[in-house]
Structure formats: C-alpha cells, structure tokens
Amino acid sequence: MTSLPERIESEPDTVGRDLGRLVLTLVELLRQLMERQALRRVEAGDLPAETVERLGLGLMHLEEAMEELRQHFGLEPEDLNVDLGPLGRLLAPPAE
C-alpha cells in the first residue's frame, strides 16, 4: 500500500492558480447540476413563465461570471474537467 505524502508539493507561483482551478471546478460542477435540474423542471412544465425567465437569466449571469474568473486565472473550460481515472471525467461534455 502506498502512503500519502505528508505535504502536497506545490510551486509558490502557481498555488493561487491551482486553488482557483479547484474552486472553479467545484462551482462549474454545481452550475451544471443546477442547469440540468432547471431544464428538467422547465420540460416538466412545473414552473411559471416568470420563473423560467429568472432561471435562464441567472444561469446566463453565472456562466458569464465563470468565464471572467477562468480568464482571470488563465484557464480554459477543459482545464476544469478533472480526470478521475477509471471513473472518467468529472464534468459533462458541453451541450451542442
């Protein structure tokens, strides 16, 4: 059995970018989950038109904010899609 290192080795000049990548990966995962749930509710007809409009605008604003943050940290969308080994990629492929 391989033991874990006592410390994670990280370069001081990239630690901010690496932390930003981790946080943005989690936010992107949550954004995708929220988007899928919203689409299911819209397709089921559970929501009034006003709520559908607010959901759409909120998701658009969140996507724009994510783009700005990715640019700030110098990341591409695919940089957030962590490889989980045998489980595959963390994030769903982009909708076409």
N, C-alpha and C. Protein backbone atom coordinates (compact mmCIF):
# COMPACT_ATOMS: atom_id res chain seq x y z
N MET A 1 0.84 -1.18 0.00
CA MET A 1 0.00 0.00 0.00
C MET A 1 0.88 1.25 0.00
N THR A 2 0.58 2.19 -0.86
CA THR A 2 1.35 3.42 -0.97
C THR A 2 0.85 4.42 0.05
N SER A 3 1.78 5.03 0.77
CA SER A 3 1.37 6.03 1.76
C SER A 3 1.32 7.40 1.11
N LEU A 4 0.47 8.24 1.66
CA LEU A 4 0.33 9.60 1.15
C LEU A 4 1.48 10.47 1.65
N PRO A 5 1.93 11.42 0.87
CA PRO A 5 2.98 12.31 1.35
C PRO A 5 2.45 13.18 2.48
N GLU A 6 3.36 13.59 3.35
CA GLU A 6 2.96 14.45 4.47
C GLU A 6 2.54 15.83 3.98
N ARG A 7 3.11 16.27 2.88
CA ARG A 7 2.79 17.59 2.32
C ARG A 7 2.54 17.46 0.84
N ILE A 8 1.68 18.30 0.35
CA ILE A 8 1.46 18.37 -1.10
C ILE A 8 2.48 19.37 -1.64
N GLU A 9 3.24 18.93 -2.62
CA GLU A 9 4.23 19.80 -3.22
C GLU A 9 3.54 20.73 -4.21
N SER A 10 3.75 22.01 -4.04
CA SER A 10 3.16 23.00 -4.93
C SER A 10 4.15 24.12 -5.15
N GLU A 11 4.15 24.64 -6.34
CA GLU A 11 5.02 25.76 -6.66
C GLU A 11 4.40 27.04 -6.09
N PRO A 12 5.17 27.85 -5.38
CA PRO A 12 4.61 29.07 -4.79
C PRO A 12 3.98 30.02 -5.80
N ASP A 13 4.51 30.06 -7.03
CA ASP A 13 3.98 30.99 -8.02
C ASP A 13 2.72 30.46 -8.70
N THR A 14 2.35 29.20 -8.51
CA THR A 14 1.14 28.68 -9.14
C THR A 14 0.07 28.27 -8.13
N VAL A 15 0.34 28.43 -6.85
CA VAL A 15 -0.63 27.97 -5.85
C VAL A 15 -1.96 28.72 -5.97
N GLY A 16 -1.94 30.00 -6.28
CA GLY A 16 -3.17 30.77 -6.45
C GLY A 16 -3.98 30.27 -7.63
N ARG A 17 -3.30 30.01 -8.74
CA ARG A 17 -3.97 29.49 -9.94
C ARG A 17 -4.53 28.10 -9.67
N ASP A 18 -3.76 27.26 -8.98
CA ASP A 18 -4.21 25.90 -8.68
C ASP A 18 -5.43 25.91 -7.76
N LEU A 19 -5.42 26.77 -6.76
CA LEU A 19 -6.57 26.88 -5.87
C LEU A 19 -7.77 27.43 -6.63
N GLY A 20 -7.54 28.42 -7.49
CA GLY A 20 -8.62 28.95 -8.32
C GLY A 20 -9.21 27.88 -9.22
N ARG A 21 -8.36 27.03 -9.77
CA ARG A 21 -8.83 25.93 -10.63
C ARG A 21 -9.71 24.97 -9.85
N LEU A 22 -9.29 24.63 -8.64
CA LEU A 22 -10.07 23.71 -7.81
C LEU A 22 -11.43 24.31 -7.47
N VAL A 23 -11.45 25.55 -7.04
CA VAL A 23 -12.71 26.21 -6.67
C VAL A 23 -13.62 26.34 -7.89
N LEU A 24 -13.07 26.76 -9.01
CA LEU A 24 -13.88 26.91 -10.22
C LEU A 24 -14.40 25.57 -10.73
N THR A 25 -13.64 24.51 -10.53
CA THR A 25 -14.11 23.18 -10.92
C THR A 25 -15.35 22.81 -10.11
N LEU A 26 -15.31 23.06 -8.82
CA LEU A 26 -16.47 22.76 -7.97
C LEU A 26 -17.67 23.64 -8.32
N VAL A 27 -17.43 24.91 -8.58
CA VAL A 27 -18.52 25.81 -8.96
C VAL A 27 -19.11 25.38 -10.30
N GLU A 28 -18.27 24.98 -11.25
CA GLU A 28 -18.76 24.54 -12.55
C GLU A 28 -19.59 23.26 -12.42
N LEU A 29 -19.16 22.35 -11.57
CA LEU A 29 -19.95 21.14 -11.33
C LEU A 29 -21.33 21.49 -10.78
N LEU A 30 -21.37 22.37 -9.81
CA LEU A 30 -22.66 22.80 -9.24
C LEU A 30 -23.51 23.55 -10.26
N ARG A 31 -22.87 24.38 -11.09
CA ARG A 31 -23.60 25.12 -12.13
C ARG A 31 -24.25 24.15 -13.11
N GLN A 32 -23.51 23.12 -13.53
CA GLN A 32 -24.06 22.14 -14.46
C GLN A 32 -25.23 21.37 -13.83
N LEU A 33 -25.08 21.01 -12.56
CA LEU A 33 -26.17 20.30 -11.88
C LEU A 33 -27.42 21.17 -11.78
N MET A 34 -27.23 22.44 -11.43
CA MET A 34 -28.37 23.37 -11.34
C MET A 34 -29.03 23.55 -12.70
N GLU A 35 -28.22 23.65 -13.74
CA GLU A 35 -28.76 23.83 -15.09
C GLU A 35 -29.59 22.62 -15.51
N ARG A 36 -29.08 21.43 -15.25
CA ARG A 36 -29.83 20.22 -15.60
C ARG A 36 -31.14 20.12 -14.83
N GLN A 37 -31.10 20.45 -13.55
CA GLN A 37 -32.33 20.43 -12.74
C GLN A 37 -33.33 21.45 -13.27
N ALA A 38 -32.87 22.63 -13.61
CA ALA A 38 -33.75 23.67 -14.14
C ALA A 38 -34.39 23.21 -15.46
N LEU A 39 -33.59 22.60 -16.33
CA LEU A 39 -34.13 22.11 -17.60
C LEU A 39 -35.18 21.02 -17.39
N ARG A 40 -34.94 20.14 -16.44
CA ARG A 40 -35.94 19.10 -16.14
C ARG A 40 -37.25 19.72 -15.66
N ARG A 41 -37.14 20.73 -14.82
CA ARG A 41 -38.36 21.37 -14.30
C ARG A 41 -39.09 22.14 -15.39
N VAL A 42 -38.33 22.79 -16.27
CA VAL A 42 -38.95 23.52 -17.38
C VAL A 42 -39.66 22.54 -18.31
N GLU A 43 -38.97 21.46 -18.67
CA GLU A 43 -39.57 20.46 -19.57
C GLU A 43 -40.79 19.79 -18.95
N ALA A 44 -40.82 19.65 -17.63
CA ALA A 44 -41.96 19.04 -16.96
C ALA A 44 -43.13 20.00 -16.85
N GLY A 45 -42.89 21.29 -17.13
CA GLY A 45 -43.95 22.28 -17.06
C GLY A 45 -44.32 22.67 -15.64
N ASP A 46 -43.40 22.47 -14.70
CA ASP A 46 -43.65 22.77 -13.29
C ASP A 46 -43.53 24.25 -12.94
N LEU A 47 -42.98 25.05 -13.83
CA LEU A 47 -42.62 26.42 -13.47
C LEU A 47 -43.41 27.44 -14.27
N PRO A 48 -43.80 28.53 -13.61
CA PRO A 48 -44.43 29.63 -14.35
C PRO A 48 -43.41 30.32 -15.26
N ALA A 49 -43.89 31.01 -16.28
CA ALA A 49 -43.02 31.66 -17.27
C ALA A 49 -42.05 32.64 -16.61
N GLU A 50 -42.49 33.37 -15.59
CA GLU A 50 -41.60 34.34 -14.90
C GLU A 50 -40.41 33.62 -14.28
N THR A 51 -40.67 32.49 -13.66
CA THR A 51 -39.61 31.73 -13.01
C THR A 51 -38.64 31.17 -14.04
N VAL A 52 -39.16 30.70 -15.16
CA VAL A 52 -38.31 30.19 -16.23
C VAL A 52 -37.39 31.31 -16.72
N GLU A 53 -37.94 32.50 -16.89
CA GLU A 53 -37.15 33.65 -17.33
C GLU A 53 -36.05 33.98 -16.32
N ARG A 54 -36.40 34.02 -15.04
CA ARG A 54 -35.41 34.33 -13.99
C ARG A 54 -34.32 33.26 -13.94
N LEU A 55 -34.72 32.00 -14.05
CA LEU A 55 -33.73 30.91 -14.05
C LEU A 55 -32.77 31.06 -15.22
N GLY A 56 -33.31 31.31 -16.39
CA GLY A 56 -32.47 31.48 -17.58
C GLY A 56 -31.48 32.61 -17.43
N LEU A 57 -31.96 33.76 -16.93
CA LEU A 57 -31.08 34.91 -16.74
C LEU A 57 -30.02 34.62 -15.68
N GLY A 58 -30.43 33.99 -14.59
CA GLY A 58 -29.48 33.66 -13.52
C GLY A 58 -28.39 32.73 -14.01
N LEU A 59 -28.77 31.71 -14.77
CA LEU A 59 -27.77 30.78 -15.30
C LEU A 59 -26.85 31.45 -16.32
N MET A 60 -27.40 32.36 -17.12
CA MET A 60 -26.56 33.10 -18.07
C MET A 60 -25.55 33.97 -17.33
N HIS A 61 -26.00 34.65 -16.27
CA HIS A 61 -25.08 35.51 -15.50
C HIS A 61 -24.00 34.68 -14.82
N LEU A 62 -24.38 33.52 -14.31
CA LEU A 62 -23.40 32.64 -13.67
C LEU A 62 -22.37 32.16 -14.68
N GLU A 63 -22.82 31.81 -15.88
CA GLU A 63 -21.88 31.37 -16.93
C GLU A 63 -20.93 32.50 -17.32
N GLU A 64 -21.44 33.72 -17.40
CA GLU A 64 -20.59 34.87 -17.72
C GLU A 64 -19.56 35.11 -16.62
N ALA A 65 -19.99 34.99 -15.37
CA ALA A 65 -19.06 35.17 -14.24
C ALA A 65 -17.98 34.09 -14.26
N MET A 66 -18.37 32.87 -14.59
CA MET A 66 -17.39 31.79 -14.68
C MET A 66 -16.36 32.08 -15.77
N GLU A 67 -16.82 32.60 -16.90
CA GLU A 67 -15.91 32.94 -17.99
C GLU A 67 -14.90 34.00 -17.52
N GLU A 68 -15.38 35.02 -16.83
CA GLU A 68 -14.49 36.07 -16.33
C GLU A 68 -13.46 35.50 -15.36
N LEU A 69 -13.91 34.63 -14.46
CA LEU A 69 -12.99 34.04 -13.49
C LEU A 69 -11.98 33.11 -14.16
N ARG A 70 -12.42 32.34 -15.16
CA ARG A 70 -11.48 31.50 -15.89
C ARG A 70 -10.41 32.35 -16.57
N GLN A 71 -10.83 33.46 -17.17
CA GLN A 71 -9.87 34.36 -17.81
C GLN A 71 -8.90 34.93 -16.78
N HIS A 72 -9.42 35.31 -15.62
CA HIS A 72 -8.58 35.87 -14.56
C HIS A 72 -7.46 34.90 -14.16
N PHE A 73 -7.80 33.62 -14.07
CA PHE A 73 -6.83 32.61 -13.67
C PHE A 73 -6.10 31.98 -14.85
N GLY A 74 -6.42 32.42 -16.08
CA GLY A 74 -5.76 31.87 -17.27
C GLY A 74 -6.14 30.43 -17.54
N LEU A 75 -7.41 30.10 -17.33
CA LEU A 75 -7.88 28.73 -17.51
C LEU A 75 -8.84 28.62 -18.68
N GLU A 76 -8.81 27.48 -19.32
CA GLU A 76 -9.77 27.15 -20.37
C GLU A 76 -10.85 26.27 -19.75
N PRO A 77 -12.03 26.18 -20.36
CA PRO A 77 -13.08 25.31 -19.80
C PRO A 77 -12.61 23.88 -19.58
N GLU A 78 -11.80 23.35 -20.49
CA GLU A 78 -11.34 21.96 -20.34
C GLU A 78 -10.37 21.79 -19.16
N ASP A 79 -9.77 22.89 -18.68
CA ASP A 79 -8.88 22.82 -17.52
C ASP A 79 -9.65 22.45 -16.25
N LEU A 80 -10.96 22.69 -16.25
CA LEU A 80 -11.78 22.41 -15.08
C LEU A 80 -12.30 20.97 -15.07
N ASN A 81 -12.14 20.26 -16.16
CA ASN A 81 -12.69 18.92 -16.27
C ASN A 81 -11.67 17.91 -15.78
N VAL A 82 -11.67 17.66 -14.48
CA VAL A 82 -10.69 16.81 -13.82
C VAL A 82 -10.88 15.35 -14.27
N ASP A 83 -9.76 14.69 -14.51
CA ASP A 83 -9.78 13.26 -14.87
C ASP A 83 -9.80 12.45 -13.59
N LEU A 84 -10.85 11.66 -13.40
CA LEU A 84 -11.00 10.84 -12.20
C LEU A 84 -10.53 9.41 -12.42
N GLY A 85 -9.65 9.21 -13.38
CA GLY A 85 -9.11 7.88 -13.65
C GLY A 85 -10.17 6.96 -14.21
N PRO A 86 -10.37 5.80 -13.59
CA PRO A 86 -11.32 4.82 -14.13
C PRO A 86 -12.77 5.32 -14.13
N LEU A 87 -13.07 6.35 -13.35
CA LEU A 87 -14.43 6.90 -13.32
C LEU A 87 -14.70 7.84 -14.49
N GLY A 88 -13.65 8.26 -15.18
CA GLY A 88 -13.83 9.17 -16.31
C GLY A 88 -13.65 10.62 -15.89
N ARG A 89 -14.18 11.51 -16.69
CA ARG A 89 -14.06 12.95 -16.44
C ARG A 89 -15.16 13.40 -15.47
N LEU A 90 -14.86 14.42 -14.68
CA LEU A 90 -15.79 14.92 -13.67
C LEU A 90 -17.00 15.60 -14.29
N LEU A 91 -16.75 16.46 -15.28
CA LEU A 91 -17.81 17.30 -15.83
C LEU A 91 -18.41 16.69 -17.09
N ALA A 92 -19.66 17.00 -17.31
CA ALA A 92 -20.35 16.56 -18.53
C ALA A 92 -19.76 17.31 -19.72
N PRO A 93 -19.75 16.69 -20.90
CA PRO A 93 -19.28 17.41 -22.07
C PRO A 93 -20.22 18.58 -22.37
N PRO A 94 -19.70 19.64 -22.99
CA PRO A 94 -20.55 20.80 -23.29
C PRO A 94 -21.71 20.42 -24.20
N ALA A 95 -22.85 21.06 -23.95
CA ALA A 95 -24.04 20.82 -24.78
C ALA A 95 -23.81 21.38 -26.17
N GLU A 96 -24.32 20.70 -27.15
CA GLU A 96 -24.15 21.18 -28.53
C GLU A 96 -25.43 21.70 -29.08
